[in-house]
N, C-alpha and C. Protein backbone atom coordinates (compact mmCIF):
# COMPACT_ATOMS: atom_id res chain seq x y z
N UNK A 1 -0.58 -9.95 -11.98
CA UNK A 1 -0.21 -8.67 -12.52
C UNK A 1 1.23 -8.28 -11.85
N UNK A 2 2.07 -7.86 -12.74
CA UNK A 2 3.41 -7.36 -12.25
C UNK A 2 3.32 -5.96 -11.73
N UNK A 3 3.90 -5.67 -10.58
CA UNK A 3 3.92 -4.43 -10.05
C UNK A 3 5.50 -4.36 -9.42
N UNK A 4 5.70 -3.12 -9.01
CA UNK A 4 7.05 -2.75 -8.43
C UNK A 4 6.97 -3.17 -6.98
N UNK A 5 8.01 -3.94 -6.55
CA UNK A 5 7.95 -4.18 -5.09
C UNK A 5 8.41 -2.86 -4.39
N UNK A 6 7.65 -2.64 -3.26
CA UNK A 6 7.89 -1.30 -2.51
C UNK A 6 9.15 -1.43 -1.69
N UNK A 7 9.65 -2.67 -1.49
CA UNK A 7 10.69 -2.91 -0.52
C UNK A 7 12.01 -2.88 -1.36
N UNK A 8 12.21 -3.77 -2.33
CA UNK A 8 13.42 -3.92 -3.16
C UNK A 8 13.37 -3.31 -4.43
N UNK A 9 12.11 -2.78 -4.93
CA UNK A 9 11.98 -2.13 -6.27
C UNK A 9 12.14 -3.02 -7.32
N UNK A 10 12.23 -4.40 -7.15
CA UNK A 10 12.28 -5.50 -8.14
C UNK A 10 10.80 -5.61 -8.66
N UNK A 11 10.60 -6.62 -9.45
CA UNK A 11 9.23 -6.99 -9.85
C UNK A 11 8.58 -7.92 -8.82
N UNK A 12 7.28 -7.56 -8.40
CA UNK A 12 6.41 -8.26 -7.63
C UNK A 12 5.34 -8.77 -8.28
N UNK A 13 4.48 -9.66 -7.63
CA UNK A 13 3.21 -10.16 -8.31
C UNK A 13 2.06 -9.75 -7.45
N UNK A 14 1.11 -9.11 -8.05
CA UNK A 14 -0.19 -8.81 -7.42
C UNK A 14 -1.07 -9.87 -7.75
N UNK A 15 -1.77 -10.52 -6.76
CA UNK A 15 -2.79 -11.62 -7.12
C UNK A 15 -3.85 -11.06 -8.02
N UNK A 16 -4.35 -11.94 -8.78
CA UNK A 16 -5.55 -11.55 -9.66
C UNK A 16 -6.67 -10.98 -8.80
N UNK A 17 -6.99 -11.38 -7.55
CA UNK A 17 -8.00 -10.88 -6.86
C UNK A 17 -7.64 -9.82 -5.90
N UNK A 18 -6.39 -9.18 -6.05
CA UNK A 18 -5.89 -8.17 -5.38
C UNK A 18 -5.90 -8.38 -3.86
N UNK A 19 -5.67 -9.66 -3.44
CA UNK A 19 -5.68 -10.01 -2.00
C UNK A 19 -4.20 -9.85 -1.42
N UNK A 20 -3.17 -10.14 -2.21
CA UNK A 20 -1.87 -10.04 -1.72
C UNK A 20 -0.84 -9.68 -2.78
N UNK A 21 0.28 -9.13 -2.29
CA UNK A 21 1.44 -8.83 -3.11
C UNK A 21 2.79 -9.76 -2.60
N UNK A 22 3.27 -10.23 -3.60
CA UNK A 22 4.36 -11.27 -3.34
C UNK A 22 5.55 -10.97 -4.08
N UNK A 23 6.79 -10.80 -3.54
CA UNK A 23 7.96 -10.73 -4.27
C UNK A 23 8.96 -11.81 -3.99
N UNK A 24 9.18 -12.46 -4.97
CA UNK A 24 10.19 -13.61 -4.77
C UNK A 24 11.70 -13.21 -4.56
N UNK A 25 11.86 -11.98 -5.01
CA UNK A 25 13.36 -11.44 -4.86
C UNK A 25 13.67 -11.17 -3.40
N UNK A 26 12.77 -10.55 -2.60
CA UNK A 26 13.15 -10.18 -1.29
C UNK A 26 12.19 -10.87 -0.26
N UNK A 27 11.44 -11.86 -0.74
CA UNK A 27 10.39 -12.56 0.10
C UNK A 27 9.34 -11.81 0.73
N UNK A 28 9.00 -10.60 0.17
CA UNK A 28 7.85 -9.88 0.63
C UNK A 28 6.62 -10.61 0.37
N UNK A 29 5.77 -10.76 1.30
CA UNK A 29 4.46 -11.28 1.14
C UNK A 29 3.45 -10.54 2.11
N UNK A 30 2.68 -9.67 1.57
CA UNK A 30 1.80 -8.78 2.25
C UNK A 30 0.48 -8.69 1.53
N UNK A 31 -0.62 -8.32 2.35
CA UNK A 31 -1.89 -8.09 1.86
C UNK A 31 -1.85 -6.86 0.79
N UNK A 32 -2.77 -6.66 0.00
CA UNK A 32 -2.77 -5.49 -0.82
C UNK A 32 -3.06 -4.13 0.08
N UNK A 33 -3.80 -4.30 1.10
CA UNK A 33 -4.09 -3.08 1.86
C UNK A 33 -2.70 -2.71 2.58
N UNK A 34 -1.95 -3.75 3.02
CA UNK A 34 -0.66 -3.48 3.69
C UNK A 34 0.29 -2.73 2.56
N UNK A 35 0.25 -3.24 1.37
CA UNK A 35 0.95 -2.68 0.34
C UNK A 35 0.68 -1.27 0.02
N UNK A 36 -0.62 -0.88 0.03
CA UNK A 36 -0.88 0.40 -0.08
C UNK A 36 -0.49 1.44 0.95
N UNK A 37 -0.55 0.95 2.25
CA UNK A 37 0.01 1.67 3.21
C UNK A 37 1.58 1.86 3.24
N UNK A 38 2.23 0.71 2.87
CA UNK A 38 3.72 0.75 2.71
C UNK A 38 4.07 1.83 1.67
N UNK A 39 3.32 1.75 0.50
CA UNK A 39 3.75 2.67 -0.57
C UNK A 39 3.43 4.16 -0.15
N UNK A 40 2.29 4.31 0.58
CA UNK A 40 1.85 5.72 0.93
C UNK A 40 2.90 6.18 1.98
N UNK A 41 3.34 5.39 2.90
CA UNK A 41 4.28 5.82 3.98
C UNK A 41 5.74 6.10 3.48
N UNK A 42 5.98 5.27 2.39
CA UNK A 42 7.39 5.48 1.76
C UNK A 42 7.57 6.60 0.76
N UNK A 43 6.45 7.12 0.14
CA UNK A 43 6.55 8.10 -0.85
C UNK A 43 5.35 9.10 -0.55
N UNK A 44 5.88 10.29 -0.11
CA UNK A 44 4.78 11.33 0.27
C UNK A 44 3.89 11.67 -0.99
N UNK A 45 4.31 11.46 -2.24
CA UNK A 45 3.28 11.73 -3.31
C UNK A 45 2.07 10.92 -3.18
N UNK A 46 2.17 9.73 -2.53
CA UNK A 46 0.96 8.74 -2.56
C UNK A 46 0.30 8.88 -1.23
N UNK A 47 0.52 9.72 -0.34
CA UNK A 47 0.02 9.68 1.14
C UNK A 47 -1.42 10.03 1.07
N UNK A 48 -1.94 10.70 0.03
CA UNK A 48 -3.51 10.90 -0.07
C UNK A 48 -4.38 9.67 -0.23
N UNK A 49 -3.70 8.62 -0.84
CA UNK A 49 -4.45 7.46 -1.01
C UNK A 49 -4.93 6.67 0.23
N UNK A 50 -4.21 7.04 1.37
CA UNK A 50 -4.61 6.40 2.62
C UNK A 50 -6.03 6.72 2.95
N UNK A 51 -6.55 7.89 2.52
CA UNK A 51 -7.90 8.37 2.68
C UNK A 51 -8.98 7.41 2.12
N UNK A 52 -8.48 6.57 1.21
CA UNK A 52 -9.53 5.59 0.54
C UNK A 52 -9.83 4.42 1.45
N UNK A 53 -8.93 4.24 2.51
CA UNK A 53 -9.11 3.19 3.39
C UNK A 53 -9.93 3.51 4.74
N UNK A 54 -10.22 4.81 4.81
CA UNK A 54 -11.11 5.07 5.97
C UNK A 54 -12.57 4.63 5.74
N UNK A 55 -13.25 4.35 6.88
CA UNK A 55 -14.68 3.92 6.84
C UNK A 55 -15.50 4.95 6.06
N UNK A 56 -15.50 6.25 6.60
CA UNK A 56 -16.16 7.34 5.98
C UNK A 56 -15.33 8.54 6.12
N UNK A 57 -15.21 9.23 5.01
CA UNK A 57 -14.44 10.51 4.99
C UNK A 57 -15.39 11.73 4.99
N UNK A 58 -16.57 11.42 5.10
CA UNK A 58 -17.53 12.60 4.92
C UNK A 58 -17.31 13.43 6.24
N UNK A 59 -16.90 14.71 6.01
CA UNK A 59 -16.73 15.62 7.16
C UNK A 59 -15.55 15.41 7.96
N UNK A 60 -14.65 14.62 7.44
CA UNK A 60 -13.35 14.26 8.14
C UNK A 60 -12.25 14.34 7.13
N UNK A 61 -11.14 14.58 7.66
CA UNK A 61 -9.87 14.52 6.82
C UNK A 61 -9.20 13.15 7.01
N UNK A 62 -8.42 12.78 6.07
CA UNK A 62 -7.83 11.41 6.26
C UNK A 62 -6.93 11.24 7.22
N UNK A 63 -6.33 12.37 7.82
CA UNK A 63 -5.37 12.44 8.97
C UNK A 63 -3.89 12.34 8.40
N UNK A 64 -3.02 12.52 9.30
CA UNK A 64 -1.67 12.44 8.97
C UNK A 64 -1.07 11.11 8.80
N UNK A 65 0.07 10.83 8.35
CA UNK A 65 0.62 9.58 8.20
C UNK A 65 0.97 9.08 9.57
N UNK A 66 1.32 9.87 10.59
CA UNK A 66 1.46 9.49 11.86
C UNK A 66 0.24 8.77 12.56
N UNK A 67 -0.97 9.15 12.19
CA UNK A 67 -2.10 8.47 12.75
C UNK A 67 -2.46 7.27 12.15
N UNK A 68 -1.76 6.78 11.13
CA UNK A 68 -2.10 5.56 10.48
C UNK A 68 -1.19 4.39 10.98
N UNK A 69 -0.26 4.72 11.74
CA UNK A 69 0.52 3.75 12.43
C UNK A 69 -0.16 2.75 13.47
């Protein structure tokens, strides 16, 4: 699947099993989880998606971007 590279903004490839994101233009090669974190840290509009990667959000907040480093 074609997606926007978070690093160079060119076209990147998302593997069919959502395992990794690869961009031939800037040599980006990261897992999908790392891609989500990269996008969330780069653009404040997407920072709430980091909450999807916590073990359990019941009774907790997702935390700030600083806590995800």
